[in-house]
């Protein structure tokens, strides 16, 4: 059986007193927003490699190696 504490029982209740109290505690707000992931420069270089070469890059290559591979492919 799932643990039933006072808090979880109160949240399930339809009593407006609980809604008012929990609203004051901050549980009524829905302002939680996930942070936008920052763009990784390595991902941009990988996309450029895929566009230039036409294949996916090896996952172990760093940005410097990818730039070298792109330059070699463009020299051909």
PDB file of N, CA and C in Angstrom:
ATOM      1  N   UNK A   1       0.836  -1.180   0.000  1.00  0.00           N
ATOM      2  CA  UNK A   1       0.000   0.000   0.000  1.00  0.00           C
ATOM      3  C   UNK A   1       0.883   1.246   0.000  1.00  0.00           C
ATOM      4  N   UNK A   2       0.450   2.246  -0.697  1.00  0.00           N
ATOM      5  CA  UNK A   2       1.192   3.487  -0.809  1.00  0.00           C
ATOM      6  C   UNK A   2       1.144   4.247   0.517  1.00  0.00           C
ATOM      7  N   UNK A   3       2.256   4.890   0.849  1.00  0.00           N
ATOM      8  CA  UNK A   3       2.335   5.644   2.090  1.00  0.00           C
ATOM      9  C   UNK A   3       1.378   6.828   2.053  1.00  0.00           C
ATOM     10  N   UNK A   4       0.581   6.958   3.061  1.00  0.00           N
ATOM     11  CA  UNK A   4      -0.379   8.045   3.151  1.00  0.00           C
ATOM     12  C   UNK A   4      -0.029   8.926   4.347  1.00  0.00           C
ATOM     13  N   UNK A   5       0.613  10.012   4.085  1.00  0.00           N
ATOM     14  CA  UNK A   5       0.895  10.945   5.161  1.00  0.00           C
ATOM     15  C   UNK A   5      -0.210  11.996   5.207  1.00  0.00           C
ATOM     16  N   UNK A   6      -0.144  12.833   6.198  1.00  0.00           N
ATOM     17  CA  UNK A   6      -1.148  13.889   6.333  1.00  0.00           C
ATOM     18  C   UNK A   6      -1.131  14.798   5.120  1.00  0.00           C
ATOM     19  N   UNK A   7       0.045  15.098   4.635  1.00  0.00           N
ATOM     20  CA  UNK A   7       0.180  16.009   3.504  1.00  0.00           C
ATOM     21  C   UNK A   7      -0.472  15.442   2.247  1.00  0.00           C
ATOM     22  N   UNK A   8      -0.230  14.185   1.926  1.00  0.00           N
ATOM     23  CA  UNK A   8      -0.807  13.609   0.710  1.00  0.00           C
ATOM     24  C   UNK A   8      -2.314  13.460   0.838  1.00  0.00           C
ATOM     25  N   UNK A   9      -2.804  13.139   2.042  1.00  0.00           N
ATOM     26  CA  UNK A   9      -4.253  13.063   2.237  1.00  0.00           C
ATOM     27  C   UNK A   9      -4.887  14.436   2.105  1.00  0.00           C
ATOM     28  N   UNK A  10      -4.204  15.451   2.594  1.00  0.00           N
ATOM     29  CA  UNK A  10      -4.737  16.807   2.513  1.00  0.00           C
ATOM     30  C   UNK A  10      -4.785  17.291   1.073  1.00  0.00           C
ATOM     31  N   UNK A  11      -3.801  16.917   0.279  1.00  0.00           N
ATOM     32  CA  UNK A  11      -3.799  17.321  -1.115  1.00  0.00           C
ATOM     33  C   UNK A  11      -4.944  16.676  -1.886  1.00  0.00           C
ATOM     34  N   UNK A  12      -5.323  15.478  -1.497  1.00  0.00           N
ATOM     35  CA  UNK A  12      -6.417  14.790  -2.180  1.00  0.00           C
ATOM     36  C   UNK A  12      -7.787  15.302  -1.752  1.00  0.00           C
ATOM     37  N   UNK A  13      -7.857  15.925  -0.592  1.00  0.00           N
ATOM     38  CA  UNK A  13      -9.127  16.414  -0.073  1.00  0.00           C
ATOM     39  C   UNK A  13      -9.611  17.607  -0.899  1.00  0.00           C
ATOM     40  N   UNK A  14     -10.901  17.771  -0.945  1.00  0.00           N
ATOM     41  CA  UNK A  14     -11.495  18.872  -1.704  1.00  0.00           C
ATOM     42  C   UNK A  14     -11.870  20.047  -0.795  1.00  0.00           C
ATOM     43  N   UNK A  15     -11.328  20.063   0.383  1.00  0.00           N
ATOM     44  CA  UNK A  15     -11.624  21.124   1.344  1.00  0.00           C
ATOM     45  C   UNK A  15     -10.928  22.422   0.919  1.00  0.00           C
ATOM     46  N   UNK A  16     -11.644  23.537   0.764  1.00  0.00           N
ATOM     47  CA  UNK A  16     -11.027  24.790   0.327  1.00  0.00           C
ATOM     48  C   UNK A  16     -10.002  25.339   1.313  1.00  0.00           C
ATOM     49  N   UNK A  17     -10.100  24.926   2.586  1.00  0.00           N
ATOM     50  CA  UNK A  17      -9.106  25.393   3.558  1.00  0.00           C
ATOM     51  C   UNK A  17      -7.715  24.876   3.195  1.00  0.00           C
ATOM     52  N   UNK A  18      -7.641  23.627   2.755  1.00  0.00           N
ATOM     53  CA  UNK A  18      -6.344  23.074   2.352  1.00  0.00           C
ATOM     54  C   UNK A  18      -5.800  23.801   1.131  1.00  0.00           C
ATOM     55  N   UNK A  19      -6.687  24.104   0.187  1.00  0.00           N
ATOM     56  CA  UNK A  19      -6.249  24.810  -1.021  1.00  0.00           C
ATOM     57  C   UNK A  19      -5.686  26.179  -0.661  1.00  0.00           C
ATOM     58  N   UNK A  20      -6.338  26.882   0.262  1.00  0.00           N
ATOM     59  CA  UNK A  20      -5.865  28.199   0.664  1.00  0.00           C
ATOM     60  C   UNK A  20      -4.518  28.107   1.391  1.00  0.00           C
ATOM     61  N   UNK A  21      -4.381  27.159   2.291  1.00  0.00           N
ATOM     62  CA  UNK A  21      -3.136  27.010   3.051  1.00  0.00           C
ATOM     63  C   UNK A  21      -1.995  26.602   2.139  1.00  0.00           C
ATOM     64  N   UNK A  22      -2.230  25.613   1.279  1.00  0.00           N
ATOM     65  CA  UNK A  22      -1.162  25.171   0.383  1.00  0.00           C
ATOM     66  C   UNK A  22      -0.853  26.230  -0.664  1.00  0.00           C
ATOM     67  N   UNK A  23      -1.844  27.054  -1.028  1.00  0.00           N
ATOM     68  CA  UNK A  23      -1.594  28.163  -1.935  1.00  0.00           C
ATOM     69  C   UNK A  23      -0.650  29.175  -1.319  1.00  0.00           C
ATOM     70  N   UNK A  24      -0.819  29.437  -0.024  1.00  0.00           N
ATOM     71  CA  UNK A  24       0.085  30.352   0.667  1.00  0.00           C
ATOM     72  C   UNK A  24       1.487  29.774   0.781  1.00  0.00           C
ATOM     73  N   UNK A  25       1.576  28.454   0.838  1.00  0.00           N
ATOM     74  CA  UNK A  25       2.889  27.807   0.932  1.00  0.00           C
ATOM     75  C   UNK A  25       3.591  27.742  -0.422  1.00  0.00           C
ATOM     76  N   UNK A  26       2.862  28.035  -1.504  1.00  0.00           N
ATOM     77  CA  UNK A  26       3.478  28.055  -2.817  1.00  0.00           C
ATOM     78  C   UNK A  26       3.169  26.850  -3.676  1.00  0.00           C
ATOM     79  N   UNK A  27       2.321  25.963  -3.196  1.00  0.00           N
ATOM     80  CA  UNK A  27       2.012  24.762  -3.969  1.00  0.00           C
ATOM     81  C   UNK A  27       0.986  25.004  -5.062  1.00  0.00           C
ATOM     82  N   UNK A  28       0.327  26.142  -5.058  1.00  0.00           N
ATOM     83  CA  UNK A  28      -0.697  26.415  -6.064  1.00  0.00           C
ATOM     84  C   UNK A  28      -0.115  27.043  -7.319  1.00  0.00           C
ATOM     85  N   UNK A  29       1.119  27.478  -7.259  1.00  0.00           N
ATOM     86  CA  UNK A  29       1.709  28.143  -8.423  1.00  0.00           C
ATOM     87  C   UNK A  29       2.245  27.120  -9.405  1.00  0.00           C
ATOM     88  N   UNK A  30       2.159  27.472 -10.668  1.00  0.00           N
ATOM     89  CA  UNK A  30       2.677  26.596 -11.721  1.00  0.00           C
ATOM     90  C   UNK A  30       3.731  27.335 -12.523  1.00  0.00           C
ATOM     91  N   UNK A  31       4.563  28.101 -11.836  1.00  0.00           N
ATOM     92  CA  UNK A  31       5.566  28.902 -12.524  1.00  0.00           C
ATOM     93  C   UNK A  31       6.883  28.165 -12.716  1.00  0.00           C
ATOM     94  N   UNK A  32       6.889  26.882 -12.499  1.00  0.00           N
ATOM     95  CA  UNK A  32       8.099  26.099 -12.718  1.00  0.00           C
ATOM     96  C   UNK A  32       8.272  25.861 -14.213  1.00  0.00           C
ATOM     97  N   UNK A  33       9.386  26.311 -14.753  1.00  0.00           N
ATOM     98  CA  UNK A  33       9.655  26.195 -16.176  1.00  0.00           C
ATOM     99  C   UNK A  33      11.019  25.553 -16.346  1.00  0.00           C
ATOM    100  N   UNK A  34      11.112  24.615 -17.231  1.00  0.00           N
ATOM    101  CA  UNK A  34      12.384  23.962 -17.494  1.00  0.00           C
ATOM    102  C   UNK A  34      13.328  24.941 -18.172  1.00  0.00           C
ATOM    103  N   UNK A  35      14.571  24.873 -17.802  1.00  0.00           N
ATOM    104  CA  UNK A  35      15.574  25.755 -18.398  1.00  0.00           C
ATOM    105  C   UNK A  35      15.872  25.321 -19.824  1.00  0.00           C
ATOM    106  N   UNK A  36      16.079  26.289 -20.677  1.00  0.00           N
ATOM    107  CA  UNK A  36      16.437  26.003 -22.062  1.00  0.00           C
ATOM    108  C   UNK A  36      17.854  25.451 -22.107  1.00  0.00           C
ATOM    109  N   UNK A  37      18.058  24.345 -22.784  1.00  0.00           N
ATOM    110  CA  UNK A  37      19.424  23.820 -22.876  1.00  0.00           C
ATOM    111  C   UNK A  37      20.294  24.734 -23.736  1.00  0.00           C
ATOM    112  N   UNK A  38      21.510  24.945 -23.266  1.00  0.00           N
ATOM    113  CA  UNK A  38      22.422  25.795 -24.014  1.00  0.00           C
ATOM    114  C   UNK A  38      22.967  25.031 -25.215  1.00  0.00           C
ATOM    115  N   UNK A  39      23.210  25.763 -26.282  1.00  0.00           N
ATOM    116  CA  UNK A  39      23.727  25.148 -27.501  1.00  0.00           C
ATOM    117  C   UNK A  39      25.186  24.733 -27.277  1.00  0.00           C
ATOM    118  N   UNK A  40      25.482  23.509 -27.598  1.00  0.00           N
ATOM    119  CA  UNK A  40      26.832  22.996 -27.461  1.00  0.00           C
ATOM    120  C   UNK A  40      27.591  23.268 -28.758  1.00  0.00           C
ATOM    121  N   UNK A  41      28.754  23.917 -28.694  1.00  0.00           N
ATOM    122  CA  UNK A  41      29.492  24.207 -29.928  1.00  0.00           C
ATOM    123  C   UNK A  41      29.914  22.929 -30.660  1.00  0.00           C
ATOM    124  N   UNK A  42      30.107  21.854 -29.921  1.00  0.00           N
ATOM    125  CA  UNK A  42      30.477  20.587 -30.551  1.00  0.00           C
ATOM    126  C   UNK A  42      29.335  20.064 -31.421  1.00  0.00           C
ATOM    127  N   UNK A  43      28.101  20.263 -30.980  1.00  0.00           N
ATOM    128  CA  UNK A  43      26.951  19.835 -31.785  1.00  0.00           C
ATOM    129  C   UNK A  43      26.887  20.591 -33.113  1.00  0.00           C
ATOM    130  N   UNK A  44      27.214  21.875 -33.064  1.00  0.00           N
ATOM    131  CA  UNK A  44      27.199  22.667 -34.293  1.00  0.00           C
ATOM    132  C   UNK A  44      28.265  22.176 -35.270  1.00  0.00           C
ATOM    133  N   UNK A  45      29.440  21.836 -34.755  1.00  0.00           N
ATOM    134  CA  UNK A  45      30.514  21.338 -35.616  1.00  0.00           C
ATOM    135  C   UNK A  45      30.133  19.972 -36.173  1.00  0.00           C
ATOM    136  N   UNK A  46      29.478  19.146 -35.356  1.00  0.00           N
ATOM    137  CA  UNK A  46      29.033  17.832 -35.841  1.00  0.00           C
ATOM    138  C   UNK A  46      28.012  17.982 -36.961  1.00  0.00           C
ATOM    139  N   UNK A  47      27.100  18.940 -36.831  1.00  0.00           N
ATOM    140  CA  UNK A  47      26.126  19.172 -37.892  1.00  0.00           C
ATOM    141  C   UNK A  47      26.803  19.662 -39.165  1.00  0.00           C
ATOM    142  N   UNK A  48      27.811  20.503 -39.016  1.00  0.00           N
ATOM    143  CA  UNK A  48      28.564  20.977 -40.174  1.00  0.00           C
ATOM    144  C   UNK A  48      29.293  19.817 -40.850  1.00  0.00           C
ATOM    145  N   UNK A  49      29.881  18.918 -40.065  1.00  0.00           N
ATOM    146  CA  UNK A  49      30.569  17.745 -40.611  1.00  0.00           C
ATOM    147  C   UNK A  49      29.582  16.884 -41.396  1.00  0.00           C
ATOM    148  N   UNK A  50      28.418  16.654 -40.823  1.00  0.00           N
ATOM    149  CA  UNK A  50      27.407  15.847 -41.500  1.00  0.00           C
ATOM    150  C   UNK A  50      26.978  16.501 -42.810  1.00  0.00           C
ATOM    151  N   UNK A  51      26.848  17.816 -42.813  1.00  0.00           N
ATOM    152  CA  UNK A  51      26.441  18.532 -44.011  1.00  0.00           C
ATOM    153  C   UNK A  51      27.511  18.484 -45.095  1.00  0.00           C
ATOM    154  N   UNK A  52      28.787  18.650 -44.694  1.00  0.00           N
ATOM    155  CA  UNK A  52      29.878  18.704 -45.670  1.00  0.00           C
ATOM    156  C   UNK A  52      30.249  17.319 -46.170  1.00  0.00           C
ATOM    157  N   UNK A  53      30.433  16.375 -45.247  1.00  0.00           N
ATOM    158  CA  UNK A  53      30.928  15.038 -45.611  1.00  0.00           C
ATOM    159  C   UNK A  53      29.790  14.118 -46.037  1.00  0.00           C
ATOM    160  N   UNK A  54      28.637  14.254 -45.407  1.00  0.00           N
ATOM    161  CA  UNK A  54      27.512  13.398 -45.752  1.00  0.00           C
ATOM    162  C   UNK A  54      27.399  12.172 -44.863  1.00  0.00           C
ATOM    163  N   UNK A  55      28.230  12.095 -43.836  1.00  0.00           N
ATOM    164  CA  UNK A  55      28.178  10.988 -42.875  1.00  0.00           C
ATOM    165  C   UNK A  55      28.172  11.564 -41.476  1.00  0.00           C
ATOM    166  N   UNK A  56      27.700  10.772 -40.536  1.00  0.00           N
ATOM    167  CA  UNK A  56      27.753  11.199 -39.151  1.00  0.00           C
ATOM    168  C   UNK A  56      29.187  11.076 -38.641  1.00  0.00           C
ATOM    169  N   UNK A  57      29.624  12.010 -37.810  1.00  0.00           N
ATOM    170  CA  UNK A  57      30.989  11.939 -37.294  1.00  0.00           C
ATOM    171  C   UNK A  57      31.116  10.902 -36.180  1.00  0.00           C
ATOM    172  N   UNK A  58      32.338  10.467 -35.963  1.00  0.00           N
ATOM    173  CA  UNK A  58      32.632   9.551 -34.862  1.00  0.00           C
ATOM    174  C   UNK A  58      32.401  10.291 -33.550  1.00  0.00           C
ATOM    175  N   UNK A  59      31.708   9.659 -32.620  1.00  0.00           N
ATOM    176  CA  UNK A  59      31.318  10.335 -31.384  1.00  0.00           C
ATOM    177  C   UNK A  59      32.492  10.685 -30.480  1.00  0.00           C
ATOM    178  N   UNK A  60      33.648  10.113 -30.703  1.00  0.00           N
ATOM    179  CA  UNK A  60      34.803  10.386 -29.859  1.00  0.00           C
ATOM    180  C   UNK A  60      35.659  11.545 -30.340  1.00  0.00           C
ATOM    181  N   UNK A  61      35.356  12.100 -31.496  1.00  0.00           N
ATOM    182  CA  UNK A  61      36.145  13.208 -32.029  1.00  0.00           C
ATOM    183  C   UNK A  61      35.785  14.507 -31.329  1.00  0.00           C
ATOM    184  N   UNK A  62      36.804  15.317 -31.063  1.00  0.00           N
ATOM    185  CA  UNK A  62      36.554  16.639 -30.490  1.00  0.00           C
ATOM    186  C   UNK A  62      36.388  17.657 -31.614  1.00  0.00           C
ATOM    187  N   UNK A  63      36.165  18.909 -31.260  1.00  0.00           N
ATOM    188  CA  UNK A  63      35.891  19.948 -32.251  1.00  0.00           C
ATOM    189  C   UNK A  63      37.092  20.182 -33.159  1.00  0.00           C
ATOM    190  N   UNK A  64      38.300  20.134 -32.608  1.00  0.00           N
ATOM    191  CA  UNK A  64      39.509  20.363 -33.415  1.00  0.00           C
ATOM    192  C   UNK A  64      39.665  19.286 -34.486  1.00  0.00           C
ATOM    193  N   UNK A  65      39.447  18.035 -34.112  1.00  0.00           N
ATOM    194  CA  UNK A  65      39.550  16.930 -35.066  1.00  0.00           C
ATOM    195  C   UNK A  65      38.487  17.070 -36.162  1.00  0.00           C
ATOM    196  N   UNK A  66      37.282  17.463 -35.760  1.00  0.00           N
ATOM    197  CA  UNK A  66      36.213  17.632 -36.753  1.00  0.00           C
ATOM    198  C   UNK A  66      36.548  18.744 -37.739  1.00  0.00           C
ATOM    199  N   UNK A  67      37.110  19.844 -37.243  1.00  0.00           N
ATOM    200  CA  UNK A  67      37.503  20.925 -38.146  1.00  0.00           C
ATOM    201  C   UNK A  67      38.581  20.449 -39.115  1.00  0.00           C
ATOM    202  N   UNK A  68      39.511  19.633 -38.636  1.00  0.00           N
ATOM    203  CA  UNK A  68      40.552  19.088 -39.508  1.00  0.00           C
ATOM    204  C   UNK A  68      39.961  18.194 -40.577  1.00  0.00           C
ATOM    205  N   UNK A  69      39.063  17.327 -40.199  1.00  0.00           N
ATOM    206  CA  UNK A  69      38.407  16.411 -41.147  1.00  0.00           C
ATOM    207  C   UNK A  69      37.606  17.185 -42.191  1.00  0.00           C
ATOM    208  N   UNK A  70      36.916  18.250 -41.749  1.00  0.00           N
ATOM    209  CA  UNK A  70      36.134  19.064 -42.682  1.00  0.00           C
ATOM    210  C   UNK A  70      37.064  19.751 -43.680  1.00  0.00           C
ATOM    211  N   UNK A  71      38.200  20.270 -43.192  1.00  0.00           N
ATOM    212  CA  UNK A  71      39.153  20.939 -44.077  1.00  0.00           C
ATOM    213  C   UNK A  71      39.758  19.956 -45.070  1.00  0.00           C
ATOM    214  N   UNK A  72      40.063  18.735 -44.639  1.00  0.00           N
ATOM    215  CA  UNK A  72      40.592  17.706 -45.539  1.00  0.00           C
ATOM    216  C   UNK A  72      39.577  17.349 -46.610  1.00  0.00           C
ATOM    217  N   UNK A  73      38.326  17.247 -46.227  1.00  0.00           N
ATOM    218  CA  UNK A  73      37.295  16.872 -47.192  1.00  0.00           C
ATOM    219  C   UNK A  73      37.072  18.000 -48.214  1.00  0.00           C
ATOM    220  N   UNK A  74      37.139  19.239 -47.764  1.00  0.00           N
ATOM    221  CA  UNK A  74      36.951  20.361 -48.682  1.00  0.00           C
ATOM    222  C   UNK A  74      38.139  20.523 -49.628  1.00  0.00           C
ATOM    223  N   UNK A  75      39.334  20.062 -49.209  1.00  0.00           N
ATOM    224  CA  UNK A  75      40.527  20.174 -50.043  1.00  0.00           C
ATOM    225  C   UNK A  75      40.481  19.200 -51.221  1.00  0.00           C
ATOM    226  N   UNK A  76      39.715  18.157 -51.097  1.00  0.00           N
ATOM    227  CA  UNK A  76      39.617  17.145 -52.167  1.00  0.00           C
ATOM    228  C   UNK A  76      38.893  17.647 -53.367  1.00  0.00           C
TER     229      UNK A  76
END
